[in-house]
C-alpha cells in the first residue's frame, strides 16, 4: 500500500532535526577526545566532512527529486517500483535528509572548534 507522497518541506525539516541531534552527538564525541590539538582536529574533520558530504548529498538529492517529478516514495514503498529508473524515487528523500544533516552539522562543530580554540587553559573545553 502506498502512503501519501512525501513533501519536500517535511523531508527538509526532518533532516534539520537529524542535524540538530548530530550536533549533540558531536559535542559528546568531543568530550571523549582529551588532548586539545586532537580535539580541534576532530572538530575540524567533522565540520569539513559535514560541509562537503552534506552539500554533495543535498545537491544529489535535489537532482533526483527533480528527476522524479512528483513520484517520490518512501523506503517502505520499495516493492512498488516497476522500472530500473524508479529507484531514484526512493533514494531522493534519503539524500536530501542526510544532506541537511551534514549541512547543519557543519556550523555546530565549526563553532565548537572556535570555542575550543579560544578556551582558557584548565577549562573543560580546553582539554588536557
Foldseek 3Di string as FASTA:
>chain_A
DFDDFDDPVVLLVLLLVLLVVVLVVLVVVLLVDFALVVSLVSLVVLLVCLQVQLVVLLVVLVVLPVVCPRQAGEPVCVVVDDDDSCVSSHCNSVSNSSSSSSVSNNVSSVVLSVCCVPDDPPDSSVGD
